[in-house]
Every structure is written in structure tokens, then in C-alpha cells.
Amino acid sequence: MTPVSMPPVALSWVRVEKYCEYTGDTMNMVADRMHEGLWAAGKHYKRTSQRVLWINLQAVEEWINRTPHVEATFYPGRTRSPTRTEK
């Protein structure tokens, strides 16, 4: 009998260490988003004990999609940032 491979599972919650490994974000970046109120407790992150922090990948992706592109903030109405000669 041939072994059956399990289909990939879409995870909603991962521990913060894995989140940082996957995204390249640092623990300080995560902490800043939490303390600044950019991420909501229970939606974007949750603590299940004093030392265990979980991150909701789906909620973080939604947050990223809602966050405006930085260049759109600095250069309203432009599709790209100015080149060196335009500055």
C-alpha cells in the first residue's frame, strides 16, 4: 500500500518565533505593533501563557492589505517615487 500524503494545512495561528522566521520581522517589530495598538489583542495576537505568544497570519495579512503603501503617503497621486534627478 502506498503512503498517503497529507494535504497542506493552512494555519491561522503560529507562535511568534515561527512568524518572525517566516517573515523576517523581529520580535521588536512585533512588540512595537502590539504596544502602538496597530495589532489588536485577540485578533492579530494572543498570549496563552506568560511566555507563549501566537500570531494570526490571516489577520496580519488583512492588516498589511489595509495599510497604505508608504510612497503613497509621501507622494500623493504618484505611482512611483521620484528619481534622483526629480528631487
C-alpha atoms as a PDB file:
ATOM      1  CA  MET A   1       0.000   0.000   0.000  1.00  0.00           C
ATOM      2  CA  THR A   2       1.323   3.451  -0.928  1.00  0.00           C
ATOM      3  CA  PRO A   3       1.529   6.012   1.883  1.00  0.00           C
ATOM      4  CA  VAL A   4      -0.955   8.843   1.547  1.00  0.00           C
ATOM      5  CA  SER A   5       0.471  12.313   1.851  1.00  0.00           C
ATOM      6  CA  MET A   6      -1.472  14.786   3.899  1.00  0.00           C
ATOM      7  CA  PRO A   7      -2.681  17.904   2.099  1.00  0.00           C
ATOM      8  CA  PRO A   8      -1.046  21.146   3.220  1.00  0.00           C
ATOM      9  CA  VAL A   9      -2.820  22.712   6.157  1.00  0.00           C
ATOM     10  CA  ALA A  10      -3.459  26.439   6.176  1.00  0.00           C
ATOM     11  CA  LEU A  11      -2.552  27.591   9.654  1.00  0.00           C
ATOM     12  CA  SER A  12      -4.237  30.587  11.180  1.00  0.00           C
ATOM     13  CA  TRP A  13      -2.097  30.891  14.315  1.00  0.00           C
ATOM     14  CA  VAL A  14       1.657  30.367  14.659  1.00  0.00           C
ATOM     15  CA  ARG A  15       3.997  31.025  17.542  1.00  0.00           C
ATOM     16  CA  VAL A  16       5.805  34.330  17.279  1.00  0.00           C
ATOM     17  CA  GLU A  17       9.170  32.621  16.749  1.00  0.00           C
ATOM     18  CA  LYS A  18       7.874  30.935  13.576  1.00  0.00           C
ATOM     19  CA  TYR A  19       6.173  34.139  12.450  1.00  0.00           C
ATOM     20  CA  CYS A  20       9.491  36.001  12.711  1.00  0.00           C
ATOM     21  CA  GLU A  21      11.272  33.165  10.915  1.00  0.00           C
ATOM     22  CA  TYR A  22       8.729  33.184   8.053  1.00  0.00           C
ATOM     23  CA  THR A  23       8.513  36.960   7.605  1.00  0.00           C
ATOM     24  CA  GLY A  24      11.901  38.289   8.659  1.00  0.00           C
ATOM     25  CA  ASP A  25      10.228  40.608  11.179  1.00  0.00           C
ATOM     26  CA  THR A  26      11.986  40.922  14.524  1.00  0.00           C
ATOM     27  CA  MET A  27      10.490  40.440  17.970  1.00  0.00           C
ATOM     28  CA  ASN A  28      10.935  44.195  18.488  1.00  0.00           C
ATOM     29  CA  MET A  29       8.843  44.923  15.391  1.00  0.00           C
ATOM     30  CA  VAL A  30       6.081  42.648  16.676  1.00  0.00           C
ATOM     31  CA  ALA A  31       6.232  44.231  20.148  1.00  0.00           C
ATOM     32  CA  ASP A  32       6.086  47.738  18.646  1.00  0.00           C
ATOM     33  CA  ARG A  33       2.950  46.891  16.646  1.00  0.00           C
ATOM     34  CA  MET A  34       1.335  45.478  19.768  1.00  0.00           C
ATOM     35  CA  HIS A  35       2.250  48.426  22.028  1.00  0.00           C
ATOM     36  CA  GLU A  36       1.352  51.060  19.431  1.00  0.00           C
ATOM     37  CA  GLY A  37      -2.092  49.481  19.004  1.00  0.00           C
ATOM     38  CA  LEU A  38      -1.555  48.593  15.352  1.00  0.00           C
ATOM     39  CA  TRP A  39      -2.324  44.971  16.195  1.00  0.00           C
ATOM     40  CA  ALA A  40      -5.323  44.114  18.367  1.00  0.00           C
ATOM     41  CA  ALA A  41      -5.117  41.560  21.163  1.00  0.00           C
ATOM     42  CA  GLY A  42      -7.258  38.542  20.337  1.00  0.00           C
ATOM     43  CA  LYS A  43      -7.331  39.395  16.642  1.00  0.00           C
ATOM     44  CA  HIS A  44      -3.711  39.763  15.494  1.00  0.00           C
ATOM     45  CA  TYR A  45      -2.003  38.200  18.506  1.00  0.00           C
ATOM     46  CA  LYS A  46      -2.801  36.369  21.709  1.00  0.00           C
ATOM     47  CA  ARG A  47      -0.929  35.133  24.732  1.00  0.00           C
ATOM     48  CA  THR A  48      -1.737  31.668  26.026  1.00  0.00           C
ATOM     49  CA  SER A  49       0.776  31.932  28.859  1.00  0.00           C
ATOM     50  CA  GLN A  50       3.384  34.380  30.079  1.00  0.00           C
ATOM     51  CA  ARG A  51       5.979  33.090  27.610  1.00  0.00           C
ATOM     52  CA  VAL A  52       3.823  31.961  24.665  1.00  0.00           C
ATOM     53  CA  LEU A  53       2.713  34.495  22.051  1.00  0.00           C
ATOM     54  CA  TRP A  54       0.685  33.473  18.985  1.00  0.00           C
ATOM     55  CA  ILE A  55       0.300  35.485  15.765  1.00  0.00           C
ATOM     56  CA  ASN A  56      -2.754  35.194  13.490  1.00  0.00           C
ATOM     57  CA  LEU A  57      -1.361  35.011   9.964  1.00  0.00           C
ATOM     58  CA  GLN A  58      -4.695  35.718   8.282  1.00  0.00           C
ATOM     59  CA  ALA A  59      -5.383  38.807  10.413  1.00  0.00           C
ATOM     60  CA  VAL A  60      -1.842  40.111   9.844  1.00  0.00           C
ATOM     61  CA  GLU A  61      -2.247  39.647   6.090  1.00  0.00           C
ATOM     62  CA  GLU A  62      -5.504  41.631   6.218  1.00  0.00           C
ATOM     63  CA  TRP A  63      -3.688  44.356   8.209  1.00  0.00           C
ATOM     64  CA  ILE A  64      -0.931  44.504   5.580  1.00  0.00           C
ATOM     65  CA  ASN A  65      -3.511  44.765   2.784  1.00  0.00           C
ATOM     66  CA  ARG A  66      -5.306  47.637   4.581  1.00  0.00           C
ATOM     67  CA  THR A  67      -2.094  49.553   5.364  1.00  0.00           C
ATOM     68  CA  PRO A  68      -1.342  52.171   2.695  1.00  0.00           C
ATOM     69  CA  HIS A  69       1.827  51.905   0.694  1.00  0.00           C
ATOM     70  CA  VAL A  70       4.398  54.244   2.264  1.00  0.00           C
ATOM     71  CA  GLU A  71       5.224  56.004  -1.002  1.00  0.00           C
ATOM     72  CA  ALA A  72       1.535  56.777  -1.457  1.00  0.00           C
ATOM     73  CA  THR A  73       1.749  58.710   1.813  1.00  0.00           C
ATOM     74  CA  PHE A  74       4.879  60.652   0.864  1.00  0.00           C
ATOM     75  CA  TYR A  75       3.997  61.228  -2.793  1.00  0.00           C
ATOM     76  CA  PRO A  76       0.185  61.530  -3.068  1.00  0.00           C
ATOM     77  CA  GLY A  77      -1.126  60.904  -6.547  1.00  0.00           C
ATOM     78  CA  ARG A  78       2.127  59.417  -7.797  1.00  0.00           C
ATOM     79  CA  THR A  79       2.536  55.821  -8.840  1.00  0.00           C
ATOM     80  CA  ARG A  80       6.258  55.801  -8.086  1.00  0.00           C
ATOM     81  CA  SER A  81       8.759  57.743  -6.009  1.00  0.00           C
ATOM     82  CA  PRO A  82      10.799  60.461  -7.705  1.00  0.00           C
ATOM     83  CA  THR A  83      14.136  59.567  -9.212  1.00  0.00           C
ATOM     84  CA  ARG A  84      17.296  61.310  -8.056  1.00  0.00           C
ATOM     85  CA  THR A  85      17.073  63.817 -10.910  1.00  0.00           C
ATOM     86  CA  GLU A  86      13.454  64.704  -9.997  1.00  0.00           C
ATOM     87  CA  LYS A  87      14.274  65.577  -6.374  1.00  0.00           C
END
